[in-house]
Amino acid sequence: ALPLTATLTSTSLAILPDGQSKKITLNPSPREIEVSQSFHVFS
């Protein structure tokens, strides 16, 4: 019950190479993070 100006929500995404294109994956696994081109966290 501490006073807050707002709550927040967070998520993680990884951009994975997929042939000639690229694929975005939500909540990637450790293996997907390992082979990903980039990894991002947003709140």
ModelCIF file with pLDDT and N, C-alpha, C, O atoms, coordinates in Angstrom:
data_MODEL
#
_entry.id   MODEL 
#
_entity.id                         1 
_entity.type                       polymer 
_entity.pdbx_number_of_molecules   1 
#
_entity_poly.entity_id                      1 
_entity_poly.type                           'polypeptide(L)' 
_entity_poly.nstd_linkage                   no 
_entity_poly.nstd_monomer                   no 
_entity_poly.pdbx_seq_one_letter_code       ALPLTATLTSTSLAILPDGQSKKITLNPSPREIEVSQSFHVFS 
_entity_poly.pdbx_seq_one_letter_code_can   ALPLTATLTSTSLAILPDGQSKKITLNPSPREIEVSQSFHVFS 
_entity_poly.pdbx_strand_id                 A 
#
loop_
_entity_poly_seq.entity_id 
_entity_poly_seq.num 
_entity_poly_seq.mon_id 
_entity_poly_seq.hetero 
1 1  ALA n 
1 2  LEU n 
1 3  PRO n 
1 4  LEU n 
1 5  THR n 
1 6  ALA n 
1 7  THR n 
1 8  LEU n 
1 9  THR n 
1 10 SER n 
1 11 THR n 
1 12 SER n 
1 13 LEU n 
1 14 ALA n 
1 15 ILE n 
1 16 LEU n 
1 17 PRO n 
1 18 ASP n 
1 19 GLY n 
1 20 GLN n 
1 21 SER n 
1 22 LYS n 
1 23 LYS n 
1 24 ILE n 
1 25 THR n 
1 26 LEU n 
1 27 ASN n 
1 28 PRO n 
1 29 SER n 
1 30 PRO n 
1 31 ARG n 
1 32 GLU n 
1 33 ILE n 
1 34 GLU n 
1 35 VAL n 
1 36 SER n 
1 37 GLN n 
1 38 SER n 
1 39 PHE n 
1 40 HIS n 
1 41 VAL n 
1 42 PHE n 
1 43 SER n 
#
_struct_asym.id          A 
_struct_asym.entity_id   1 
#
loop_
_ma_qa_metric.id 
_ma_qa_metric.mode 
_ma_qa_metric.name 
_ma_qa_metric.software_group_id 
_ma_qa_metric.type 
1 global pLDDT . pLDDT 
2 local  pLDDT . pLDDT 
#
_ma_qa_metric_global.metric_id      1 
_ma_qa_metric_global.metric_value   92.33 
_ma_qa_metric_global.model_id       1 
_ma_qa_metric_global.ordinal_id     1 
#
loop_
_ma_qa_metric_local.label_asym_id 
_ma_qa_metric_local.label_comp_id 
_ma_qa_metric_local.label_seq_id 
_ma_qa_metric_local.metric_id 
_ma_qa_metric_local.metric_value 
_ma_qa_metric_local.model_id 
_ma_qa_metric_local.ordinal_id 
A ALA 1  2 94.00 1 1  
A LEU 2  2 96.00 1 2  
A PRO 3  2 96.00 1 3  
A LEU 4  2 97.00 1 4  
A THR 5  2 97.00 1 5  
A ALA 6  2 96.00 1 6  
A THR 7  2 95.00 1 7  
A LEU 8  2 94.00 1 8  
A THR 9  2 94.00 1 9  
A SER 10 2 95.00 1 10 
A THR 11 2 94.00 1 11 
A SER 12 2 95.00 1 12 
A LEU 13 2 95.00 1 13 
A ALA 14 2 96.00 1 14 
A ILE 15 2 96.00 1 15 
A LEU 16 2 94.00 1 16 
A PRO 17 2 90.00 1 17 
A ASP 18 2 83.00 1 18 
A GLY 19 2 81.00 1 19 
A GLN 20 2 81.00 1 20 
A SER 21 2 86.00 1 21 
A LYS 22 2 90.00 1 22 
A LYS 23 2 93.00 1 23 
A ILE 24 2 94.00 1 24 
A THR 25 2 93.00 1 25 
A LEU 26 2 92.00 1 26 
A ASN 27 2 90.00 1 27 
A PRO 28 2 91.00 1 28 
A SER 29 2 87.00 1 29 
A PRO 30 2 85.00 1 30 
A ARG 31 2 86.00 1 31 
A GLU 32 2 90.00 1 32 
A ILE 33 2 90.00 1 33 
A GLU 34 2 87.00 1 34 
A VAL 35 2 90.00 1 35 
A SER 36 2 93.00 1 36 
A GLN 37 2 94.00 1 37 
A SER 38 2 96.00 1 38 
A PHE 39 2 96.00 1 39 
A HIS 40 2 97.00 1 40 
A VAL 41 2 97.00 1 41 
A PHE 42 2 97.00 1 42 
A SER 43 2 97.00 1 43 
#
loop_
_atom_site.group_PDB 
_atom_site.id 
_atom_site.type_symbol 
_atom_site.label_atom_id 
_atom_site.label_alt_id 
_atom_site.label_comp_id 
_atom_site.label_asym_id 
_atom_site.label_entity_id 
_atom_site.label_seq_id 
_atom_site.pdbx_PDB_ins_code 
_atom_site.Cartn_x 
_atom_site.Cartn_y 
_atom_site.Cartn_z 
_atom_site.occupancy 
_atom_site.B_iso_or_equiv 
_atom_site.pdbx_formal_charge 
_atom_site.auth_seq_id 
_atom_site.auth_comp_id 
_atom_site.auth_asym_id 
_atom_site.auth_atom_id 
_atom_site.pdbx_PDB_model_num 
ATOM 1   N N  . ALA A 1 1  ? 0.816  -1.223  0.000   1.00 94.00 ? 1  ALA A N  1 
ATOM 2   C CA . ALA A 1 1  ? 0.000  0.000   0.000   1.00 94.00 ? 1  ALA A CA 1 
ATOM 3   C C  . ALA A 1 1  ? 0.844  1.265   0.000   1.00 94.00 ? 1  ALA A C  1 
ATOM 4   O O  . ALA A 1 1  ? 0.452  2.279   0.578   1.00 94.00 ? 1  ALA A O  1 
ATOM 5   N N  . LEU A 1 2  ? 1.993  1.205   -0.643  1.00 96.00 ? 2  LEU A N  1 
ATOM 6   C CA . LEU A 1 2  ? 2.811  2.400   -0.789  1.00 96.00 ? 2  LEU A CA 1 
ATOM 7   C C  . LEU A 1 2  ? 2.266  3.245   -1.942  1.00 96.00 ? 2  LEU A C  1 
ATOM 8   O O  . LEU A 1 2  ? 1.902  2.695   -2.982  1.00 96.00 ? 2  LEU A O  1 
ATOM 9   N N  . PRO A 1 3  ? 2.203  4.562   -1.780  1.00 96.00 ? 3  PRO A N  1 
ATOM 10  C CA . PRO A 1 3  ? 1.646  5.417   -2.829  1.00 96.00 ? 3  PRO A CA 1 
ATOM 11  C C  . PRO A 1 3  ? 2.557  5.476   -4.054  1.00 96.00 ? 3  PRO A C  1 
ATOM 12  O O  . PRO A 1 3  ? 3.760  5.710   -3.936  1.00 96.00 ? 3  PRO A O  1 
ATOM 13  N N  . LEU A 1 4  ? 1.968  5.261   -5.231  1.00 97.00 ? 4  LEU A N  1 
ATOM 14  C CA . LEU A 1 4  ? 2.701  5.265   -6.491  1.00 97.00 ? 4  LEU A CA 1 
ATOM 15  C C  . LEU A 1 4  ? 2.062  6.252   -7.455  1.00 97.00 ? 4  LEU A C  1 
ATOM 16  O O  . LEU A 1 4  ? 0.852  6.478   -7.416  1.00 97.00 ? 4  LEU A O  1 
ATOM 17  N N  . THR A 1 5  ? 2.880  6.835   -8.315  1.00 97.00 ? 5  THR A N  1 
ATOM 18  C CA . THR A 1 5  ? 2.333  7.692   -9.362  1.00 97.00 ? 5  THR A CA 1 
ATOM 19  C C  . THR A 1 5  ? 1.708  6.864   -10.473 1.00 97.00 ? 5  THR A C  1 
ATOM 20  O O  . THR A 1 5  ? 0.820  7.340   -11.180 1.00 97.00 ? 5  THR A O  1 
ATOM 21  N N  . ALA A 1 6  ? 2.168  5.620   -10.630 1.00 96.00 ? 6  ALA A N  1 
ATOM 22  C CA . ALA A 1 6  ? 1.649  4.720   -11.662 1.00 96.00 ? 6  ALA A CA 1 
ATOM 23  C C  . ALA A 1 6  ? 2.195  3.334   -11.378 1.00 96.00 ? 6  ALA A C  1 
ATOM 24  O O  . ALA A 1 6  ? 3.156  3.175   -10.625 1.00 96.00 ? 6  ALA A O  1 
ATOM 25  N N  . THR A 1 7  ? 1.576  2.334   -11.985 1.00 95.00 ? 7  THR A N  1 
ATOM 26  C CA . THR A 1 7  ? 2.158  0.998   -12.004 1.00 95.00 ? 7  THR A CA 1 
ATOM 27  C C  . THR A 1 7  ? 2.947  0.862   -13.304 1.00 95.00 ? 7  THR A C  1 
ATOM 28  O O  . THR A 1 7  ? 2.974  1.786   -14.117 1.00 95.00 ? 7  THR A O  1 
ATOM 29  N N  . LEU A 1 8  ? 3.582  -0.280  -13.495 1.00 94.00 ? 8  LEU A N  1 
ATOM 30  C CA . LEU A 1 8  ? 4.298  -0.498  -14.753 1.00 94.00 ? 8  LEU A CA 1 
ATOM 31  C C  . LEU A 1 8  ? 4.234  -1.957  -15.154 1.00 94.00 ? 8  LEU A C  1 
ATOM 32  O O  . LEU A 1 8  ? 4.043  -2.842  -14.320 1.00 94.00 ? 8  LEU A O  1 
ATOM 33  N N  . THR A 1 9  ? 4.397  -2.189  -16.434 1.00 94.00 ? 9  THR A N  1 
ATOM 34  C CA . THR A 1 9  ? 4.468  -3.538  -16.993 1.00 94.00 ? 9  THR A CA 1 
ATOM 35  C C  . THR A 1 9  ? 5.691  -3.627  -17.890 1.00 94.00 ? 9  THR A C  1 
ATOM 36  O O  . THR A 1 9  ? 6.086  -2.641  -18.511 1.00 94.00 ? 9  THR A O  1 
ATOM 37  N N  . SER A 1 10 ? 6.283  -4.800  -17.956 1.00 95.00 ? 10 SER A N  1 
ATOM 38  C CA . SER A 1 10 ? 7.543  -4.973  -18.681 1.00 95.00 ? 10 SER A CA 1 
ATOM 39  C C  . SER A 1 10 ? 7.476  -6.211  -19.565 1.00 95.00 ? 10 SER A C  1 
ATOM 40  O O  . SER A 1 10 ? 6.719  -7.144  -19.299 1.00 95.00 ? 10 SER A O  1 
ATOM 41  N N  . THR A 1 11 ? 8.278  -6.200  -20.615 1.00 94.00 ? 11 THR A N  1 
ATOM 42  C CA . THR A 1 11 ? 8.372  -7.349  -21.507 1.00 94.00 ? 11 THR A CA 1 
ATOM 43  C C  . THR A 1 11 ? 9.740  -7.379  -22.162 1.00 94.00 ? 11 THR A C  1 
ATOM 44  O O  . THR A 1 11 ? 10.443 -6.368  -22.186 1.00 94.00 ? 11 THR A O  1 
ATOM 45  N N  . SER A 1 12 ? 10.122 -8.533  -22.695 1.00 95.00 ? 12 SER A N  1 
ATOM 46  C CA . SER A 1 12 ? 11.401 -8.691  -23.397 1.00 95.00 ? 12 SER A CA 1 
ATOM 47  C C  . SER A 1 12 ? 11.156 -9.247  -24.782 1.00 95.00 ? 12 SER A C  1 
ATOM 48  O O  . SER A 1 12 ? 10.217 -10.013 -24.999 1.00 95.00 ? 12 SER A O  1 
ATOM 49  N N  . LEU A 1 13 ? 12.013 -8.854  -25.727 1.00 95.00 ? 13 LEU A N  1 
ATOM 50  C CA . LEU A 1 13 ? 11.897 -9.294  -27.104 1.00 95.00 ? 13 LEU A CA 1 
ATOM 51  C C  . LEU A 1 13 ? 13.280 -9.543  -27.683 1.00 95.00 ? 13 LEU A C  1 
ATOM 52  O O  . LEU A 1 13 ? 14.255 -8.911  -27.277 1.00 95.00 ? 13 LEU A O  1 
ATOM 53  N N  . ALA A 1 14 ? 13.360 -10.462 -28.629 1.00 96.00 ? 14 ALA A N  1 
ATOM 54  C CA . ALA A 1 14 ? 14.604 -10.746 -29.334 1.00 96.00 ? 14 ALA A CA 1 
ATOM 55  C C  . ALA A 1 14 ? 14.341 -10.732 -30.831 1.00 96.00 ? 14 ALA A C  1 
ATOM 56  O O  . ALA A 1 14 ? 13.284 -11.163 -31.292 1.00 96.00 ? 14 ALA A O  1 
ATOM 57  N N  . ILE A 1 15 ? 15.322 -10.227 -31.592 1.00 96.00 ? 15 ILE A N  1 
ATOM 58  C CA . ILE A 1 15 ? 15.265 -10.260 -33.047 1.00 96.00 ? 15 ILE A CA 1 
ATOM 59  C C  . ILE A 1 15 ? 16.149 -11.415 -33.508 1.00 96.00 ? 15 ILE A C  1 
ATOM 60  O O  . ILE A 1 15 ? 17.359 -11.417 -33.281 1.00 96.00 ? 15 ILE A O  1 
ATOM 61  N N  . LEU A 1 16 ? 15.518 -12.406 -34.165 1.00 94.00 ? 16 LEU A N  1 
ATOM 62  C CA . LEU A 1 16 ? 16.220 -13.612 -34.591 1.00 94.00 ? 16 LEU A CA 1 
ATOM 63  C C  . LEU A 1 16 ? 16.371 -13.623 -36.102 1.00 94.00 ? 16 LEU A C  1 
ATOM 64  O O  . LEU A 1 16 ? 15.437 -13.253 -36.814 1.00 94.00 ? 16 LEU A O  1 
ATOM 65  N N  . PRO A 1 17 ? 17.527 -14.037 -36.610 1.00 90.00 ? 17 PRO A N  1 
ATOM 66  C CA . PRO A 1 17 ? 17.666 -14.193 -38.071 1.00 90.00 ? 17 PRO A CA 1 
ATOM 67  C C  . PRO A 1 17 ? 16.806 -15.348 -38.554 1.00 90.00 ? 17 PRO A C  1 
ATOM 68  O O  . PRO A 1 17 ? 16.767 -16.411 -37.933 1.00 90.00 ? 17 PRO A O  1 
ATOM 69  N N  . ASP A 1 18 ? 16.108 -15.129 -39.681 1.00 83.00 ? 18 ASP A N  1 
ATOM 70  C CA . ASP A 1 18 ? 15.218 -16.142 -40.226 1.00 83.00 ? 18 ASP A CA 1 
ATOM 71  C C  . ASP A 1 18 ? 15.352 -16.138 -41.748 1.00 83.00 ? 18 ASP A C  1 
ATOM 72  O O  . ASP A 1 18 ? 14.485 -15.638 -42.464 1.00 83.00 ? 18 ASP A O  1 
ATOM 73  N N  . GLY A 1 19 ? 16.461 -16.710 -42.224 1.00 81.00 ? 19 GLY A N  1 
ATOM 74  C CA . GLY A 1 19 ? 16.737 -16.693 -43.655 1.00 81.00 ? 19 GLY A CA 1 
ATOM 75  C C  . GLY A 1 19 ? 17.060 -15.288 -44.122 1.00 81.00 ? 19 GLY A C  1 
ATOM 76  O O  . GLY A 1 19 ? 17.953 -14.637 -43.580 1.00 81.00 ? 19 GLY A O  1 
ATOM 77  N N  . GLN A 1 20 ? 16.336 -14.820 -45.126 1.00 81.00 ? 20 GLN A N  1 
ATOM 78  C CA . GLN A 1 20 ? 16.547 -13.481 -45.647 1.00 81.00 ? 20 GLN A CA 1 
ATOM 79  C C  . GLN A 1 20 ? 15.824 -12.415 -44.837 1.00 81.00 ? 20 GLN A C  1 
ATOM 80  O O  . GLN A 1 20 ? 16.073 -11.224 -45.020 1.00 81.00 ? 20 GLN A O  1 
ATOM 81  N N  . SER A 1 21 ? 14.943 -12.825 -43.957 1.00 86.00 ? 21 SER A N  1 
ATOM 82  C CA . SER A 1 21 ? 14.188 -11.884 -43.134 1.00 86.00 ? 21 SER A CA 1 
ATOM 83  C C  . SER A 1 21 ? 14.578 -12.058 -41.671 1.00 86.00 ? 21 SER A C  1 
ATOM 84  O O  . SER A 1 21 ? 15.505 -12.797 -41.341 1.00 86.00 ? 21 SER A O  1 
ATOM 85  N N  . LYS A 1 22 ? 13.860 -11.373 -40.818 1.00 90.00 ? 22 LYS A N  1 
ATOM 86  C CA . LYS A 1 22 ? 14.119 -11.445 -39.387 1.00 90.00 ? 22 LYS A CA 1 
ATOM 87  C C  . LYS A 1 22 ? 12.815 -11.624 -38.643 1.00 90.00 ? 22 LYS A C  1 
ATOM 88  O O  . LYS A 1 22 ? 11.759 -11.187 -39.101 1.00 90.00 ? 22 LYS A O  1 
ATOM 89  N N  . LYS A 1 23 ? 12.895 -12.265 -37.506 1.00 93.00 ? 23 LYS A N  1 
ATOM 90  C CA . LYS A 1 23 ? 11.706 -12.605 -36.727 1.00 93.00 ? 23 LYS A CA 1 
ATOM 91  C C  . LYS A 1 23 ? 11.837 -12.031 -35.331 1.00 93.00 ? 23 LYS A C  1 
ATOM 92  O O  . LYS A 1 23 ? 12.903 -12.102 -34.719 1.00 93.00 ? 23 LYS A O  1 
ATOM 93  N N  . ILE A 1 24 ? 10.748 -11.458 -34.825 1.00 94.00 ? 24 ILE A N  1 
ATOM 94  C CA . ILE A 1 24 ? 10.713 -10.915 -33.471 1.00 94.00 ? 24 ILE A CA 1 
ATOM 95  C C  . ILE A 1 24 ? 10.006 -11.911 -32.571 1.00 94.00 ? 24 ILE A C  1 
ATOM 96  O O  . ILE A 1 24 ? 8.905  -12.364 -32.882 1.00 94.00 ? 24 ILE A O  1 
ATOM 97  N N  . THR A 1 25 ? 10.637 -12.254 -31.451 1.00 93.00 ? 25 THR A N  1 
ATOM 98  C CA . THR A 1 25 ? 10.086 -13.229 -30.519 1.00 93.00 ? 25 THR A CA 1 
ATOM 99  C C  . THR A 1 25 ? 9.910  -12.588 -29.152 1.00 93.00 ? 25 THR A C  1 
ATOM 100 O O  . THR A 1 25 ? 10.828 -11.955 -28.631 1.00 93.00 ? 25 THR A O  1 
ATOM 101 N N  . LEU A 1 26 ? 8.718  -12.757 -28.572 1.00 92.00 ? 26 LEU A N  1 
ATOM 102 C CA . LEU A 1 26 ? 8.446  -12.270 -27.224 1.00 92.00 ? 26 LEU A CA 1 
ATOM 103 C C  . LEU A 1 26 ? 8.924  -13.292 -26.191 1.00 92.00 ? 26 LEU A C  1 
ATOM 104 O O  . LEU A 1 26 ? 8.817  -14.501 -26.400 1.00 92.00 ? 26 LEU A O  1 
ATOM 105 N N  . ASN A 1 27 ? 9.457  -12.785 -25.068 1.00 90.00 ? 27 ASN A N  1 
ATOM 106 C CA . ASN A 1 27 ? 9.898  -13.647 -23.969 1.00 90.00 ? 27 ASN A CA 1 
ATOM 107 C C  . ASN A 1 27 ? 10.771 -14.796 -24.467 1.00 90.00 ? 27 ASN A C  1 
ATOM 108 O O  . ASN A 1 27 ? 10.436 -15.959 -24.241 1.00 90.00 ? 27 ASN A O  1 
ATOM 109 N N  . PRO A 1 28 ? 11.876 -14.497 -25.135 1.00 91.00 ? 28 PRO A N  1 
ATOM 110 C CA . PRO A 1 28 ? 12.702 -15.553 -25.732 1.00 91.00 ? 28 PRO A CA 1 
ATOM 111 C C  . PRO A 1 28 ? 13.342 -16.451 -24.686 1.00 91.00 ? 28 PRO A C  1 
ATOM 112 O O  . PRO A 1 28 ? 13.582 -16.044 -23.550 1.00 91.00 ? 28 PRO A O  1 
ATOM 113 N N  . SER A 1 29 ? 13.612 -17.687 -25.101 1.00 87.00 ? 29 SER A N  1 
ATOM 114 C CA . SER A 1 29 ? 14.286 -18.651 -24.235 1.00 87.00 ? 29 SER A CA 1 
ATOM 115 C C  . SER A 1 29 ? 15.785 -18.370 -24.228 1.00 87.00 ? 29 SER A C  1 
ATOM 116 O O  . SER A 1 29 ? 16.262 -17.583 -25.045 1.00 87.00 ? 29 SER A O  1 
ATOM 117 N N  . PRO A 1 30 ? 16.546 -19.004 -23.313 1.00 85.00 ? 30 PRO A N  1 
ATOM 118 C CA . PRO A 1 30 ? 18.005 -18.804 -23.305 1.00 85.00 ? 30 PRO A CA 1 
ATOM 119 C C  . PRO A 1 30 ? 18.652 -19.132 -24.641 1.00 85.00 ? 30 PRO A C  1 
ATOM 120 O O  . PRO A 1 30 ? 19.577 -18.442 -25.068 1.00 85.00 ? 30 PRO A O  1 
ATOM 121 N N  . ARG A 1 31 ? 18.173 -20.179 -25.306 1.00 86.00 ? 31 ARG A N  1 
ATOM 122 C CA . ARG A 1 31 ? 18.756 -20.536 -26.607 1.00 86.00 ? 31 ARG A CA 1 
ATOM 123 C C  . ARG A 1 31 ? 18.459 -19.453 -27.635 1.00 86.00 ? 31 ARG A C  1 
ATOM 124 O O  . ARG A 1 31 ? 19.337 -19.093 -28.419 1.00 86.00 ? 31 ARG A O  1 
ATOM 125 N N  . GLU A 1 32 ? 17.247 -18.932 -27.646 1.00 90.00 ? 32 GLU A N  1 
ATOM 126 C CA . GLU A 1 32 ? 16.890 -17.876 -28.592 1.00 90.00 ? 32 GLU A CA 1 
ATOM 127 C C  . GLU A 1 32 ? 17.682 -16.601 -28.334 1.00 90.00 ? 32 GLU A C  1 
ATOM 128 O O  . GLU A 1 32 ? 18.071 -15.909 -29.274 1.00 90.00 ? 32 GLU A O  1 
ATOM 129 N N  . ILE A 1 33 ? 17.918 -16.290 -27.074 1.00 90.00 ? 33 ILE A N  1 
ATOM 130 C CA . ILE A 1 33 ? 18.741 -15.116 -26.747 1.00 90.00 ? 33 ILE A CA 1 
ATOM 131 C C  . ILE A 1 33 ? 20.173 -15.330 -27.225 1.00 90.00 ? 33 ILE A C  1 
ATOM 132 O O  . ILE A 1 33 ? 20.820 -14.401 -27.710 1.00 90.00 ? 33 ILE A O  1 
ATOM 133 N N  . GLU A 1 34 ? 20.665 -16.568 -27.086 1.00 87.00 ? 34 GLU A N  1 
ATOM 134 C CA . GLU A 1 34 ? 22.042 -16.892 -27.472 1.00 87.00 ? 34 GLU A CA 1 
ATOM 135 C C  . GLU A 1 34 ? 22.264 -16.666 -28.974 1.00 87.00 ? 34 GLU A C  1 
ATOM 136 O O  . GLU A 1 34 ? 23.317 -16.173 -29.378 1.00 87.00 ? 34 GLU A O  1 
ATOM 137 N N  . VAL A 1 35 ? 21.279 -17.026 -29.795 1.00 90.00 ? 35 VAL A N  1 
ATOM 138 C CA . VAL A 1 35 ? 21.452 -16.937 -31.249 1.00 90.00 ? 35 VAL A CA 1 
ATOM 139 C C  . VAL A 1 35 ? 20.836 -15.664 -31.821 1.00 90.00 ? 35 VAL A C  1 
ATOM 140 O O  . VAL A 1 35 ? 20.871 -15.462 -33.035 1.00 90.00 ? 35 VAL A O  1 
ATOM 141 N N  . SER A 1 36 ? 20.280 -14.810 -30.984 1.00 93.00 ? 36 SER A N  1 
ATOM 142 C CA . SER A 1 36 ? 19.590 -13.627 -31.479 1.00 93.00 ? 36 SER A CA 1 
ATOM 143 C C  . SER A 1 36 ? 20.569 -12.569 -31.978 1.00 93.00 ? 36 SER A C  1 
ATOM 144 O O  . SER A 1 36 ? 21.733 -12.526 -31.579 1.00 93.00 ? 36 SER A O  1 
ATOM 145 N N  . GLN A 1 37 ? 20.058 -11.728 -32.855 1.00 94.00 ? 37 GLN A N  1 
ATOM 146 C CA . GLN A 1 37 ? 20.834 -10.591 -33.338 1.00 94.00 ? 37 GLN A CA 1 
ATOM 147 C C  . GLN A 1 37 ? 20.844 -9.469  -32.314 1.00 94.00 ? 37 GLN A C  1 
ATOM 148 O O  . GLN A 1 37 ? 21.852 -8.780  -32.159 1.00 94.00 ? 37 GLN A O  1 
ATOM 149 N N  . SER A 1 38 ? 19.720 -9.276  -31.607 1.00 96.00 ? 38 SER A N  1 
ATOM 150 C CA . SER A 1 38 ? 19.635 -8.262  -30.556 1.00 96.00 ? 38 SER A CA 1 
ATOM 151 C C  . SER A 1 38 ? 18.561 -8.661  -29.563 1.00 96.00 ? 38 SER A C  1 
ATOM 152 O O  . SER A 1 38 ? 17.669 -9.451  -29.870 1.00 96.00 ? 38 SER A O  1 
ATOM 153 N N  . PHE A 1 39 ? 18.664 -8.099  -28.365 1.00 96.00 ? 39 PHE A N  1 
ATOM 154 C CA . PHE A 1 39 ? 17.729 -8.409  -27.281 1.00 96.00 ? 39 PHE A CA 1 
ATOM 155 C C  . PHE A 1 39 ? 17.312 -7.101  -26.625 1.00 96.00 ? 39 PHE A C  1 
ATOM 156 O O  . PHE A 1 39 ? 18.141 -6.217  -26.406 1.00 96.00 ? 39 PHE A O  1 
ATOM 157 N N  . HIS A 1 40 ? 16.010 -6.979  -26.308 1.00 97.00 ? 40 HIS A N  1 
ATOM 158 C CA . HIS A 1 40 ? 15.474 -5.702  -25.828 1.00 97.00 ? 40 HIS A CA 1 
ATOM 159 C C  . HIS A 1 40 ? 14.525 -5.931  -24.655 1.00 97.00 ? 40 HIS A C  1 
ATOM 160 O O  . HIS A 1 40 ? 13.798 -6.923  -24.617 1.00 97.00 ? 40 HIS A O  1 
ATOM 161 N N  . VAL A 1 41 ? 14.538 -5.006  -23.706 1.00 97.00 ? 41 VAL A N  1 
ATOM 162 C CA . VAL A 1 41 ? 13.601 -4.994  -22.585 1.00 97.00 ? 41 VAL A CA 1 
ATOM 163 C C  . VAL A 1 41 ? 12.933 -3.620  -22.544 1.00 97.00 ? 41 VAL A C  1 
ATOM 164 O O  . VAL A 1 41 ? 13.605 -2.589  -22.580 1.00 97.00 ? 41 VAL A O  1 
ATOM 165 N N  . PHE A 1 42 ? 11.596 -3.621  -22.466 1.00 97.00 ? 42 PHE A N  1 
ATOM 166 C CA . PHE A 1 42 ? 10.820 -2.381  -22.382 1.00 97.00 ? 42 PHE A CA 1 
ATOM 167 C C  . PHE A 1 42 ? 9.933  -2.413  -21.149 1.00 97.00 ? 42 PHE A C  1 
ATOM 168 O O  . PHE A 1 42 ? 9.415  -3.463  -20.769 1.00 97.00 ? 42 PHE A O  1 
ATOM 169 N N  . SER A 1 43 ? 9.761  -1.239  -20.522 1.00 97.00 ? 43 SER A N  1 
ATOM 170 C CA . SER A 1 43 ? 8.795  -1.077  -19.436 1.00 97.00 ? 43 SER A CA 1 
ATOM 171 C C  . SER A 1 43 ? 7.974  0.169   -19.704 1.00 97.00 ? 43 SER A C  1 
ATOM 172 O O  . SER A 1 43 ? 7.091  0.508   -18.916 1.00 97.00 ? 43 SER A O  1 
#
